[in-house]
């Protein structure tokens, strides 16, 4: 594997902000993983980068950026009801979903059109419209960046949570995902719990709806609400929907009867972050080339030449304002990468 110096990362992040990597390499074959060990050192932090759809660079990266471009989709087992697919980390997630949908296999159709790579999916435990990756994932294969050993994490060992996993917590930065294995259904049970999806098929019997129609409906909903990163720089939802105590939610509901809340773990509920931001008056606001999308307050955008620092500063202002108004602290869903002092 060859590494180049001082490479622009603008083509490798969907925000389209300017930043550079001290060293930049592309991994296309698993056999190249062994060469990484000689590059590892405390003085050279390493960042694994897929399509950069969930990242905000606040300045240059003083170390090694490794672009994961491992490819391949293998059917490793199937029967009359299910199939197991092993998918390499560098595959485009949205394209992979389309591939399974065309075959009529169910389980990830609600996750259509989510940007990014397959390798990033388990790190984030991506989810949308009432479904999460963790519901169909069998295991994750990853390379230990310190030892070079390949480890297979079972679903349970991934410790999936709401937009999180072991790869974002105790094992953060320690592994490079090489592939994931999913179990998909040939006789899928469709998930239409999400209100806009339920409405889209309200005049249909669920047994008459197939995964292609669900996928197309999800795409239509996403396109109506979310900007295309190829046209306006963004990383999708910038903040997580905060999970709060039931008592706090009930108090807020008395003051704001229309506040959207959803069930979470015992004694807690999930509050719609987009609603909090919109009610705080941020939707559609623009500060130079950094702004909040006019159709979806949860999405911060780069209208052209905004810097990562400007977008981050905007997110801080929003976060502090929401907390002062509602007493709710919002956590960023997007990974912020900044130069360490």
C-alpha atoms as a PDB file:
ATOM      1  CA  UNK A   1       0.000   0.000   0.000  1.00  0.00           C
ATOM      2  CA  UNK A   2       1.263   3.446  -0.897  1.00  0.00           C
ATOM      3  CA  UNK A   3       0.704   6.559   1.188  1.00  0.00           C
ATOM      4  CA  UNK A   4       0.650  10.049  -0.258  1.00  0.00           C
ATOM      5  CA  UNK A   5       1.351  13.212   1.709  1.00  0.00           C
ATOM      6  CA  UNK A   6      -0.780  16.328   2.239  1.00  0.00           C
ATOM      7  CA  UNK A   7      -3.844  15.098   0.343  1.00  0.00           C
ATOM      8  CA  UNK A   8      -7.065  17.133   0.245  1.00  0.00           C
ATOM      9  CA  UNK A   9      -9.982  15.457   2.016  1.00  0.00           C
ATOM     10  CA  UNK A  10     -12.629  17.631   0.384  1.00  0.00           C
ATOM     11  CA  UNK A  11     -13.625  14.837  -2.069  1.00  0.00           C
ATOM     12  CA  UNK A  12     -13.866  12.406   0.851  1.00  0.00           C
ATOM     13  CA  UNK A  13     -16.461  14.139   3.026  1.00  0.00           C
ATOM     14  CA  UNK A  14     -20.060  14.881   2.086  1.00  0.00           C
ATOM     15  CA  UNK A  15     -19.976  18.234   3.863  1.00  0.00           C
ATOM     16  CA  UNK A  16     -17.454  19.224   1.205  1.00  0.00           C
ATOM     17  CA  UNK A  17     -15.293  21.148   3.665  1.00  0.00           C
ATOM     18  CA  UNK A  18     -11.626  21.707   2.966  1.00  0.00           C
ATOM     19  CA  UNK A  19      -9.135  19.769   5.078  1.00  0.00           C
ATOM     20  CA  UNK A  20      -6.010  17.767   4.338  1.00  0.00           C
ATOM     21  CA  UNK A  21      -4.434  14.551   5.562  1.00  0.00           C
ATOM     22  CA  UNK A  22      -0.778  14.398   6.479  1.00  0.00           C
ATOM     23  CA  UNK A  23      -0.725  10.887   4.976  1.00  0.00           C
ATOM     24  CA  UNK A  24      -3.434   9.257   2.852  1.00  0.00           C
ATOM     25  CA  UNK A  25      -3.736   5.655   1.688  1.00  0.00           C
ATOM     26  CA  UNK A  26      -6.361   3.457   0.061  1.00  0.00           C
ATOM     27  CA  UNK A  27      -6.899  -0.177   1.053  1.00  0.00           C
ATOM     28  CA  UNK A  28      -8.402  -2.272  -1.745  1.00  0.00           C
ATOM     29  CA  UNK A  29      -7.378  -5.809  -0.686  1.00  0.00           C
ATOM     30  CA  UNK A  30      -7.395  -7.451   2.732  1.00  0.00           C
ATOM     31  CA  UNK A  31      -3.817  -8.595   2.144  1.00  0.00           C
ATOM     32  CA  UNK A  32      -2.706  -4.989   2.462  1.00  0.00           C
ATOM     33  CA  UNK A  33      -3.784  -4.832   6.095  1.00  0.00           C
ATOM     34  CA  UNK A  34      -0.534  -6.292   7.400  1.00  0.00           C
ATOM     35  CA  UNK A  35       1.364  -3.298   6.059  1.00  0.00           C
ATOM     36  CA  UNK A  36      -0.548  -0.954   8.328  1.00  0.00           C
ATOM     37  CA  UNK A  37       1.246  -2.049  11.480  1.00  0.00           C
ATOM     38  CA  UNK A  38       4.525  -0.497  10.412  1.00  0.00           C
ATOM     39  CA  UNK A  39       2.752   2.844  10.082  1.00  0.00           C
ATOM     40  CA  UNK A  40       1.109   2.803  13.489  1.00  0.00           C
ATOM     41  CA  UNK A  41       2.664   5.006  16.157  1.00  0.00           C
ATOM     42  CA  UNK A  42       1.459   7.334  18.935  1.00  0.00           C
ATOM     43  CA  UNK A  43       2.757  10.255  16.871  1.00  0.00           C
ATOM     44  CA  UNK A  44       0.607   9.253  13.877  1.00  0.00           C
ATOM     45  CA  UNK A  45      -3.080   8.957  14.732  1.00  0.00           C
ATOM     46  CA  UNK A  46      -5.056   6.922  12.201  1.00  0.00           C
ATOM     47  CA  UNK A  47      -8.522   7.684  10.854  1.00  0.00           C
ATOM     48  CA  UNK A  48     -10.544   5.141   8.862  1.00  0.00           C
ATOM     49  CA  UNK A  49     -12.640   6.854   6.221  1.00  0.00           C
ATOM     50  CA  UNK A  50     -15.356   5.431   3.980  1.00  0.00           C
ATOM     51  CA  UNK A  51     -17.372   7.975   2.031  1.00  0.00           C
ATOM     52  CA  UNK A  52     -17.214  10.595   4.774  1.00  0.00           C
ATOM     53  CA  UNK A  53     -20.993  10.831   5.088  1.00  0.00           C
ATOM     54  CA  UNK A  54     -21.009  11.119   8.878  1.00  0.00           C
ATOM     55  CA  UNK A  55     -17.964  13.254   9.576  1.00  0.00           C
ATOM     56  CA  UNK A  56     -17.063  16.900  10.008  1.00  0.00           C
ATOM     57  CA  UNK A  57     -13.433  17.949   9.656  1.00  0.00           C
ATOM     58  CA  UNK A  58     -12.572  20.929  11.819  1.00  0.00           C
ATOM     59  CA  UNK A  59      -9.086  21.553  10.455  1.00  0.00           C
ATOM     60  CA  UNK A  60      -6.458  19.283   8.926  1.00  0.00           C
ATOM     61  CA  UNK A  61      -5.809  15.738  10.156  1.00  0.00           C
ATOM     62  CA  UNK A  62      -2.256  15.330  11.544  1.00  0.00           C
ATOM     63  CA  UNK A  63      -1.763  11.642  10.842  1.00  0.00           C
ATOM     64  CA  UNK A  64      -2.852   8.808   8.567  1.00  0.00           C
ATOM     65  CA  UNK A  65      -6.216   8.748   6.811  1.00  0.00           C
ATOM     66  CA  UNK A  66      -7.003   5.304   5.441  1.00  0.00           C
ATOM     67  CA  UNK A  67      -9.754   5.096   2.829  1.00  0.00           C
ATOM     68  CA  UNK A  68     -11.529   1.734   3.064  1.00  0.00           C
ATOM     69  CA  UNK A  69     -12.262   0.503  -0.489  1.00  0.00           C
ATOM     70  CA  UNK A  70     -12.652  -3.248   0.122  1.00  0.00           C
ATOM     71  CA  UNK A  71     -15.227  -4.671  -2.317  1.00  0.00           C
ATOM     72  CA  UNK A  72     -17.315  -7.810  -2.666  1.00  0.00           C
ATOM     73  CA  UNK A  73     -20.730  -9.353  -1.945  1.00  0.00           C
ATOM     74  CA  UNK A  74     -20.908 -13.084  -1.246  1.00  0.00           C
ATOM     75  CA  UNK A  75     -23.930 -15.303  -0.642  1.00  0.00           C
ATOM     76  CA  UNK A  76     -22.550 -17.685   1.954  1.00  0.00           C
ATOM     77  CA  UNK A  77     -25.695 -19.626   2.907  1.00  0.00           C
ATOM     78  CA  UNK A  78     -29.356 -19.818   1.955  1.00  0.00           C
ATOM     79  CA  UNK A  79     -32.482 -21.880   2.387  1.00  0.00           C
ATOM     80  CA  UNK A  80     -36.137 -21.482   1.467  1.00  0.00           C
ATOM     81  CA  UNK A  81     -36.664 -18.753   4.059  1.00  0.00           C
ATOM     82  CA  UNK A  82     -33.417 -16.883   4.652  1.00  0.00           C
ATOM     83  CA  UNK A  83     -30.020 -16.024   3.229  1.00  0.00           C
ATOM     84  CA  UNK A  84     -26.693 -14.982   4.718  1.00  0.00           C
ATOM     85  CA  UNK A  85     -24.736 -12.320   2.865  1.00  0.00           C
ATOM     86  CA  UNK A  86     -21.153 -11.308   3.585  1.00  0.00           C
ATOM     87  CA  UNK A  87     -20.503  -7.787   2.340  1.00  0.00           C
ATOM     88  CA  UNK A  88     -17.143  -6.032   2.158  1.00  0.00           C
ATOM     89  CA  UNK A  89     -16.781  -2.755   4.016  1.00  0.00           C
ATOM     90  CA  UNK A  90     -16.020  -0.554   1.028  1.00  0.00           C
ATOM     91  CA  UNK A  91     -19.281  -1.298  -0.772  1.00  0.00           C
ATOM     92  CA  UNK A  92     -21.716   1.599  -1.045  1.00  0.00           C
ATOM     93  CA  UNK A  93     -24.543   1.001   1.439  1.00  0.00           C
ATOM     94  CA  UNK A  94     -27.355   2.415  -0.690  1.00  0.00           C
ATOM     95  CA  UNK A  95     -26.273   0.375  -3.726  1.00  0.00           C
ATOM     96  CA  UNK A  96     -26.137  -2.751  -1.585  1.00  0.00           C
ATOM     97  CA  UNK A  97     -29.681  -2.174  -0.308  1.00  0.00           C
ATOM     98  CA  UNK A  98     -30.854  -1.774  -3.906  1.00  0.00           C
ATOM     99  CA  UNK A  99     -29.166  -5.073  -4.754  1.00  0.00           C
ATOM    100  CA  UNK A 100     -31.041  -6.951  -2.024  1.00  0.00           C
ATOM    101  CA  UNK A 101     -34.338  -5.241  -2.805  1.00  0.00           C
ATOM    102  CA  UNK A 102     -34.124  -6.224  -6.468  1.00  0.00           C
ATOM    103  CA  UNK A 103     -33.766  -9.843  -5.341  1.00  0.00           C
ATOM    104  CA  UNK A 104     -36.831  -9.454  -3.129  1.00  0.00           C
ATOM    105  CA  UNK A 105     -34.902 -10.082   0.084  1.00  0.00           C
ATOM    106  CA  UNK A 106     -36.181  -8.199   3.107  1.00  0.00           C
ATOM    107  CA  UNK A 107     -34.681  -6.725   6.233  1.00  0.00           C
ATOM    108  CA  UNK A 108     -32.943  -3.520   5.172  1.00  0.00           C
ATOM    109  CA  UNK A 109     -35.438  -1.922   2.776  1.00  0.00           C
ATOM    110  CA  UNK A 110     -36.276   0.735   5.395  1.00  0.00           C
ATOM    111  CA  UNK A 111     -32.593   1.721   5.318  1.00  0.00           C
ATOM    112  CA  UNK A 112     -32.680   2.659   1.635  1.00  0.00           C
ATOM    113  CA  UNK A 113     -30.751   5.691   0.409  1.00  0.00           C
ATOM    114  CA  UNK A 114     -28.698   6.114   3.593  1.00  0.00           C
ATOM    115  CA  UNK A 115     -25.344   7.492   2.405  1.00  0.00           C
ATOM    116  CA  UNK A 116     -22.013   5.932   3.294  1.00  0.00           C
ATOM    117  CA  UNK A 117     -20.277   2.579   3.119  1.00  0.00           C
ATOM    118  CA  UNK A 118     -21.170  -0.847   4.472  1.00  0.00           C
ATOM    119  CA  UNK A 119     -18.224  -0.657   6.867  1.00  0.00           C
ATOM    120  CA  UNK A 120     -19.577   2.462   8.519  1.00  0.00           C
ATOM    121  CA  UNK A 121     -23.041   0.956   9.017  1.00  0.00           C
ATOM    122  CA  UNK A 122     -22.337  -1.156  12.147  1.00  0.00           C
ATOM    123  CA  UNK A 123     -20.177   1.524  13.757  1.00  0.00           C
ATOM    124  CA  UNK A 124     -23.146   3.859  13.744  1.00  0.00           C
ATOM    125  CA  UNK A 125     -25.790   1.129  13.969  1.00  0.00           C
ATOM    126  CA  UNK A 126     -27.552   3.007  11.199  1.00  0.00           C
ATOM    127  CA  UNK A 127     -31.297   3.250  11.440  1.00  0.00           C
ATOM    128  CA  UNK A 128     -34.261   4.920   9.775  1.00  0.00           C
ATOM    129  CA  UNK A 129     -38.038   4.701   9.560  1.00  0.00           C
ATOM    130  CA  UNK A 130     -38.444   2.257  12.424  1.00  0.00           C
ATOM    131  CA  UNK A 131     -35.575  -0.129  11.560  1.00  0.00           C
ATOM    132  CA  UNK A 132     -31.943  -0.540  12.611  1.00  0.00           C
ATOM    133  CA  UNK A 133     -29.042  -2.487  11.159  1.00  0.00           C
ATOM    134  CA  UNK A 134     -28.566  -4.387  14.412  1.00  0.00           C
ATOM    135  CA  UNK A 135     -31.864  -6.192  13.827  1.00  0.00           C
ATOM    136  CA  UNK A 136     -30.455  -8.187  10.877  1.00  0.00           C
ATOM    137  CA  UNK A 137     -26.704  -8.182  11.494  1.00  0.00           C
ATOM    138  CA  UNK A 138     -25.106 -11.536  12.314  1.00  0.00           C
ATOM    139  CA  UNK A 139     -21.504 -10.439  12.798  1.00  0.00           C
ATOM    140  CA  UNK A 140     -18.809  -7.899  11.991  1.00  0.00           C
ATOM    141  CA  UNK A 141     -15.327  -8.872  10.827  1.00  0.00           C
ATOM    142  CA  UNK A 142     -12.648  -6.323  11.699  1.00  0.00           C
ATOM    143  CA  UNK A 143      -8.885  -5.922  11.772  1.00  0.00           C
ATOM    144  CA  UNK A 144      -7.210  -4.937  15.028  1.00  0.00           C
ATOM    145  CA  UNK A 145      -5.062  -1.955  14.037  1.00  0.00           C
ATOM    146  CA  UNK A 146      -2.599  -2.622  16.853  1.00  0.00           C
ATOM    147  CA  UNK A 147      -1.977  -6.342  16.294  1.00  0.00           C
ATOM    148  CA  UNK A 148      -3.156  -6.989  12.736  1.00  0.00           C
ATOM    149  CA  UNK A 149      -5.384  -9.830  13.953  1.00  0.00           C
ATOM    150  CA  UNK A 150      -8.808 -10.369  12.433  1.00  0.00           C
ATOM    151  CA  UNK A 151     -11.629 -10.570  14.992  1.00  0.00           C
ATOM    152  CA  UNK A 152     -15.238 -11.544  14.369  1.00  0.00           C
ATOM    153  CA  UNK A 153     -17.722  -9.687  16.583  1.00  0.00           C
ATOM    154  CA  UNK A 154     -21.089 -11.365  17.068  1.00  0.00           C
ATOM    155  CA  UNK A 155     -24.185  -9.196  17.149  1.00  0.00           C
ATOM    156  CA  UNK A 156     -24.165  -9.308  20.951  1.00  0.00           C
ATOM    157  CA  UNK A 157     -20.488  -8.367  21.100  1.00  0.00           C
ATOM    158  CA  UNK A 158     -21.178  -5.242  19.052  1.00  0.00           C
ATOM    159  CA  UNK A 159     -23.235  -3.796  21.938  1.00  0.00           C
ATOM    160  CA  UNK A 160     -25.583  -1.984  19.601  1.00  0.00           C
ATOM    161  CA  UNK A 161     -27.527   0.957  20.934  1.00  0.00           C
ATOM    162  CA  UNK A 162     -29.215   3.989  19.492  1.00  0.00           C
ATOM    163  CA  UNK A 163     -26.732   5.173  16.825  1.00  0.00           C
ATOM    164  CA  UNK A 164     -23.851   3.552  18.632  1.00  0.00           C
ATOM    165  CA  UNK A 165     -21.839   0.353  19.023  1.00  0.00           C
ATOM    166  CA  UNK A 166     -18.670  -0.944  20.656  1.00  0.00           C
ATOM    167  CA  UNK A 167     -16.775   0.596  17.727  1.00  0.00           C
ATOM    168  CA  UNK A 168     -17.784   4.064  18.926  1.00  0.00           C
ATOM    169  CA  UNK A 169     -17.178   3.390  22.612  1.00  0.00           C
ATOM    170  CA  UNK A 170     -14.661   1.000  24.200  1.00  0.00           C
ATOM    171  CA  UNK A 171     -13.098  -0.033  20.875  1.00  0.00           C
ATOM    172  CA  UNK A 172     -13.151   3.373  19.213  1.00  0.00           C
ATOM    173  CA  UNK A 173     -10.287   3.751  16.747  1.00  0.00           C
ATOM    174  CA  UNK A 174      -8.949   0.266  17.427  1.00  0.00           C
ATOM    175  CA  UNK A 175     -10.487  -1.668  14.516  1.00  0.00           C
ATOM    176  CA  UNK A 176     -10.954  -1.410  10.767  1.00  0.00           C
ATOM    177  CA  UNK A 177     -14.180  -3.105   9.678  1.00  0.00           C
ATOM    178  CA  UNK A 178     -13.462  -5.444   6.757  1.00  0.00           C
ATOM    179  CA  UNK A 179     -16.930  -6.970   6.240  1.00  0.00           C
ATOM    180  CA  UNK A 180     -20.318  -7.600   7.782  1.00  0.00           C
ATOM    181  CA  UNK A 181     -22.661 -10.580   7.562  1.00  0.00           C
ATOM    182  CA  UNK A 182     -26.419 -10.067   7.430  1.00  0.00           C
ATOM    183  CA  UNK A 183     -29.361 -12.443   7.610  1.00  0.00           C
ATOM    184  CA  UNK A 184     -32.112 -11.381   5.224  1.00  0.00           C
ATOM    185  CA  UNK A 185     -35.526 -12.923   4.669  1.00  0.00           C
ATOM    186  CA  UNK A 186     -36.948 -14.368   1.465  1.00  0.00           C
ATOM    187  CA  UNK A 187     -40.399 -14.060   3.055  1.00  0.00           C
ATOM    188  CA  UNK A 188     -40.028 -10.630   4.639  1.00  0.00           C
ATOM    189  CA  UNK A 189     -42.250  -9.205   7.337  1.00  0.00           C
ATOM    190  CA  UNK A 190     -42.538  -5.563   6.371  1.00  0.00           C
ATOM    191  CA  UNK A 191     -41.998  -2.842   8.942  1.00  0.00           C
ATOM    192  CA  UNK A 192     -44.499  -0.044   8.300  1.00  0.00           C
ATOM    193  CA  UNK A 193     -44.683   1.307  11.857  1.00  0.00           C
ATOM    194  CA  UNK A 194     -43.160   4.671  10.914  1.00  0.00           C
ATOM    195  CA  UNK A 195     -46.093   7.055  10.394  1.00  0.00           C
ATOM    196  CA  UNK A 196     -45.297   8.328   6.851  1.00  0.00           C
ATOM    197  CA  UNK A 197     -44.716   4.753   5.681  1.00  0.00           C
ATOM    198  CA  UNK A 198     -47.921   3.573   7.291  1.00  0.00           C
ATOM    199  CA  UNK A 199     -49.762   6.400   5.575  1.00  0.00           C
ATOM    200  CA  UNK A 200     -48.184   5.599   2.192  1.00  0.00           C
ATOM    201  CA  UNK A 201     -49.761   2.141   2.267  1.00  0.00           C
ATOM    202  CA  UNK A 202     -52.914   2.836   4.277  1.00  0.00           C
ATOM    203  CA  UNK A 203     -55.154   1.778   1.364  1.00  0.00           C
ATOM    204  CA  UNK A 204     -53.257  -1.479   0.803  1.00  0.00           C
ATOM    205  CA  UNK A 205     -53.225  -4.830   2.540  1.00  0.00           C
ATOM    206  CA  UNK A 206     -49.752  -5.392   3.936  1.00  0.00           C
ATOM    207  CA  UNK A 207     -49.550  -8.843   2.325  1.00  0.00           C
ATOM    208  CA  UNK A 208     -49.888  -7.147  -1.075  1.00  0.00           C
ATOM    209  CA  UNK A 209     -46.921  -4.811  -0.506  1.00  0.00           C
ATOM    210  CA  UNK A 210     -43.385  -5.926  -1.380  1.00  0.00           C
ATOM    211  CA  UNK A 211     -39.916  -4.752  -0.347  1.00  0.00           C
ATOM    212  CA  UNK A 212     -39.410  -2.832  -3.604  1.00  0.00           C
ATOM    213  CA  UNK A 213     -42.447  -0.677  -2.885  1.00  0.00           C
ATOM    214  CA  UNK A 214     -41.317  -0.037   0.682  1.00  0.00           C
ATOM    215  CA  UNK A 215     -37.833   0.894  -0.518  1.00  0.00           C
ATOM    216  CA  UNK A 216     -39.254   3.278  -3.116  1.00  0.00           C
ATOM    217  CA  UNK A 217     -41.524   4.884  -0.518  1.00  0.00           C
ATOM    218  CA  UNK A 218     -38.571   5.371   1.851  1.00  0.00           C
ATOM    219  CA  UNK A 219     -36.558   6.970  -0.944  1.00  0.00           C
ATOM    220  CA  UNK A 220     -39.403   9.324  -1.779  1.00  0.00           C
ATOM    221  CA  UNK A 221     -39.744  10.374   1.873  1.00  0.00           C
ATOM    222  CA  UNK A 222     -36.001  10.908   2.248  1.00  0.00           C
ATOM    223  CA  UNK A 223     -35.727  12.945  -0.946  1.00  0.00           C
ATOM    224  CA  UNK A 224     -38.634  15.149   0.095  1.00  0.00           C
ATOM    225  CA  UNK A 225     -36.972  16.031   3.408  1.00  0.00           C
ATOM    226  CA  UNK A 226     -33.216  15.674   3.025  1.00  0.00           C
ATOM    227  CA  UNK A 227     -30.849  17.542   0.684  1.00  0.00           C
ATOM    228  CA  UNK A 228     -28.697  15.643  -1.804  1.00  0.00           C
ATOM    229  CA  UNK A 229     -25.044  15.876  -0.612  1.00  0.00           C
ATOM    230  CA  UNK A 230     -23.929  16.120  -4.238  1.00  0.00           C
ATOM    231  CA  UNK A 231     -25.874  19.373  -4.522  1.00  0.00           C
ATOM    232  CA  UNK A 232     -25.656  20.806  -0.991  1.00  0.00           C
ATOM    233  CA  UNK A 233     -22.931  19.673   1.376  1.00  0.00           C
ATOM    234  CA  UNK A 234     -24.319  17.891   4.436  1.00  0.00           C
ATOM    235  CA  UNK A 235     -23.967  14.764   6.566  1.00  0.00           C
ATOM    236  CA  UNK A 236     -27.629  13.992   7.113  1.00  0.00           C
ATOM    237  CA  UNK A 237     -28.942  14.222  10.661  1.00  0.00           C
ATOM    238  CA  UNK A 238     -26.413  16.218  12.660  1.00  0.00           C
ATOM    239  CA  UNK A 239     -27.860  15.474  16.098  1.00  0.00           C
ATOM    240  CA  UNK A 240     -29.266  12.350  17.715  1.00  0.00           C
ATOM    241  CA  UNK A 241     -32.829  12.374  18.972  1.00  0.00           C
ATOM    242  CA  UNK A 242     -32.224  12.862  22.715  1.00  0.00           C
ATOM    243  CA  UNK A 243     -33.462  10.209  25.133  1.00  0.00           C
ATOM    244  CA  UNK A 244     -34.836  11.779  28.319  1.00  0.00           C
ATOM    245  CA  UNK A 245     -36.605  10.755  31.493  1.00  0.00           C
ATOM    246  CA  UNK A 246     -40.349  10.228  31.222  1.00  0.00           C
ATOM    247  CA  UNK A 247     -40.978  12.847  33.926  1.00  0.00           C
ATOM    248  CA  UNK A 248     -39.143  15.539  31.948  1.00  0.00           C
ATOM    249  CA  UNK A 249     -41.063  14.645  28.793  1.00  0.00           C
ATOM    250  CA  UNK A 250     -44.386  14.845  30.655  1.00  0.00           C
ATOM    251  CA  UNK A 251     -43.491  18.266  32.027  1.00  0.00           C
ATOM    252  CA  UNK A 252     -42.576  19.480  28.535  1.00  0.00           C
ATOM    253  CA  UNK A 253     -45.795  18.054  27.088  1.00  0.00           C
ATOM    254  CA  UNK A 254     -47.819  20.217  29.462  1.00  0.00           C
ATOM    255  CA  UNK A 255     -46.089  23.316  28.101  1.00  0.00           C
ATOM    256  CA  UNK A 256     -45.690  22.078  24.516  1.00  0.00           C
ATOM    257  CA  UNK A 257     -48.548  19.627  23.772  1.00  0.00           C
ATOM    258  CA  UNK A 258     -47.341  18.930  20.222  1.00  0.00           C
ATOM    259  CA  UNK A 259     -43.783  17.913  21.170  1.00  0.00           C
ATOM    260  CA  UNK A 260     -43.071  14.582  19.412  1.00  0.00           C
ATOM    261  CA  UNK A 261     -42.007  11.806  21.787  1.00  0.00           C
ATOM    262  CA  UNK A 262     -41.407   8.123  21.110  1.00  0.00           C
ATOM    263  CA  UNK A 263     -40.962   5.109  23.413  1.00  0.00           C
ATOM    264  CA  UNK A 264     -37.420   4.230  24.522  1.00  0.00           C
ATOM    265  CA  UNK A 265     -36.071   2.067  27.320  1.00  0.00           C
ATOM    266  CA  UNK A 266     -37.984   1.766  30.594  1.00  0.00           C
ATOM    267  CA  UNK A 267     -38.802   5.104  32.156  1.00  0.00           C
ATOM    268  CA  UNK A 268     -37.402   7.100  29.256  1.00  0.00           C
ATOM    269  CA  UNK A 269     -38.611   8.477  25.924  1.00  0.00           C
ATOM    270  CA  UNK A 270     -37.023   9.780  22.747  1.00  0.00           C
ATOM    271  CA  UNK A 271     -37.679  13.403  21.762  1.00  0.00           C
ATOM    272  CA  UNK A 272     -37.485  14.601  18.150  1.00  0.00           C
ATOM    273  CA  UNK A 273     -34.329  16.708  17.867  1.00  0.00           C
ATOM    274  CA  UNK A 274     -35.540  18.330  14.654  1.00  0.00           C
ATOM    275  CA  UNK A 275     -38.631  19.643  16.452  1.00  0.00           C
ATOM    276  CA  UNK A 276     -36.516  21.076  19.275  1.00  0.00           C
ATOM    277  CA  UNK A 277     -34.263  22.872  16.800  1.00  0.00           C
ATOM    278  CA  UNK A 278     -37.152  24.179  14.731  1.00  0.00           C
ATOM    279  CA  UNK A 279     -39.053  25.423  17.790  1.00  0.00           C
ATOM    280  CA  UNK A 280     -35.910  27.250  18.844  1.00  0.00           C
ATOM    281  CA  UNK A 281     -36.033  29.214  15.604  1.00  0.00           C
ATOM    282  CA  UNK A 282     -33.053  27.754  13.747  1.00  0.00           C
ATOM    283  CA  UNK A 283     -34.723  26.112  10.766  1.00  0.00           C
ATOM    284  CA  UNK A 284     -33.668  27.737   7.481  1.00  0.00           C
ATOM    285  CA  UNK A 285     -31.195  30.159   9.082  1.00  0.00           C
ATOM    286  CA  UNK A 286     -27.945  30.839   7.291  1.00  0.00           C
ATOM    287  CA  UNK A 287     -24.661  32.314   8.462  1.00  0.00           C
ATOM    288  CA  UNK A 288     -22.427  32.861   5.467  1.00  0.00           C
ATOM    289  CA  UNK A 289     -22.229  29.456   3.776  1.00  0.00           C
ATOM    290  CA  UNK A 290     -23.089  27.500   6.936  1.00  0.00           C
ATOM    291  CA  UNK A 291     -26.753  26.977   7.672  1.00  0.00           C
ATOM    292  CA  UNK A 292     -29.699  24.879   8.799  1.00  0.00           C
ATOM    293  CA  UNK A 293     -31.652  23.262   5.995  1.00  0.00           C
ATOM    294  CA  UNK A 294     -34.929  24.936   5.139  1.00  0.00           C
ATOM    295  CA  UNK A 295     -36.905  21.667   5.013  1.00  0.00           C
ATOM    296  CA  UNK A 296     -35.280  19.694   7.814  1.00  0.00           C
ATOM    297  CA  UNK A 297     -33.942  21.447  10.909  1.00  0.00           C
ATOM    298  CA  UNK A 298     -31.928  18.374  11.887  1.00  0.00           C
ATOM    299  CA  UNK A 299     -29.628  18.842   8.881  1.00  0.00           C
ATOM    300  CA  UNK A 300     -26.787  21.370   8.891  1.00  0.00           C
ATOM    301  CA  UNK A 301     -25.523  22.318   5.447  1.00  0.00           C
ATOM    302  CA  UNK A 302     -22.580  23.811   3.598  1.00  0.00           C
ATOM    303  CA  UNK A 303     -23.920  26.098   0.876  1.00  0.00           C
ATOM    304  CA  UNK A 304     -20.500  26.437  -0.715  1.00  0.00           C
ATOM    305  CA  UNK A 305     -17.361  27.446   1.096  1.00  0.00           C
ATOM    306  CA  UNK A 306     -18.181  27.019   4.785  1.00  0.00           C
ATOM    307  CA  UNK A 307     -15.349  25.712   6.909  1.00  0.00           C
ATOM    308  CA  UNK A 308     -15.686  22.827   9.305  1.00  0.00           C
ATOM    309  CA  UNK A 309     -15.060  25.255  12.160  1.00  0.00           C
ATOM    310  CA  UNK A 310     -17.992  27.441  11.025  1.00  0.00           C
ATOM    311  CA  UNK A 311     -20.373  24.478  10.828  1.00  0.00           C
ATOM    312  CA  UNK A 312     -19.200  23.245  14.224  1.00  0.00           C
ATOM    313  CA  UNK A 313     -19.700  26.702  15.755  1.00  0.00           C
ATOM    314  CA  UNK A 314     -23.246  26.758  14.370  1.00  0.00           C
ATOM    315  CA  UNK A 315     -23.939  23.355  15.901  1.00  0.00           C
ATOM    316  CA  UNK A 316     -22.676  24.583  19.272  1.00  0.00           C
ATOM    317  CA  UNK A 317     -24.961  27.616  19.161  1.00  0.00           C
ATOM    318  CA  UNK A 318     -27.938  25.381  18.351  1.00  0.00           C
ATOM    319  CA  UNK A 319     -27.084  22.866  21.058  1.00  0.00           C
ATOM    320  CA  UNK A 320     -26.728  25.538  23.753  1.00  0.00           C
ATOM    321  CA  UNK A 321     -29.913  27.313  22.684  1.00  0.00           C
ATOM    322  CA  UNK A 322     -31.999  24.114  22.772  1.00  0.00           C
ATOM    323  CA  UNK A 323     -30.641  23.238  26.203  1.00  0.00           C
ATOM    324  CA  UNK A 324     -31.472  26.698  27.571  1.00  0.00           C
ATOM    325  CA  UNK A 325     -35.034  26.570  26.211  1.00  0.00           C
ATOM    326  CA  UNK A 326     -35.983  22.958  26.920  1.00  0.00           C
ATOM    327  CA  UNK A 327     -33.456  21.687  29.457  1.00  0.00           C
ATOM    328  CA  UNK A 328     -32.440  18.940  27.014  1.00  0.00           C
ATOM    329  CA  UNK A 329     -28.838  18.297  26.019  1.00  0.00           C
ATOM    330  CA  UNK A 330     -28.427  17.135  22.425  1.00  0.00           C
ATOM    331  CA  UNK A 331     -25.599  14.873  21.309  1.00  0.00           C
ATOM    332  CA  UNK A 332     -24.044  15.132  17.863  1.00  0.00           C
ATOM    333  CA  UNK A 333     -24.614  12.165  15.580  1.00  0.00           C
ATOM    334  CA  UNK A 334     -21.881  13.367  13.227  1.00  0.00           C
ATOM    335  CA  UNK A 335     -18.282  12.547  14.194  1.00  0.00           C
ATOM    336  CA  UNK A 336     -16.243  15.712  14.666  1.00  0.00           C
ATOM    337  CA  UNK A 337     -12.548  15.364  13.792  1.00  0.00           C
ATOM    338  CA  UNK A 338     -10.265  18.136  14.949  1.00  0.00           C
ATOM    339  CA  UNK A 339      -6.546  18.638  15.324  1.00  0.00           C
ATOM    340  CA  UNK A 340      -5.467  17.809  18.854  1.00  0.00           C
ATOM    341  CA  UNK A 341      -3.435  20.459  20.644  1.00  0.00           C
END
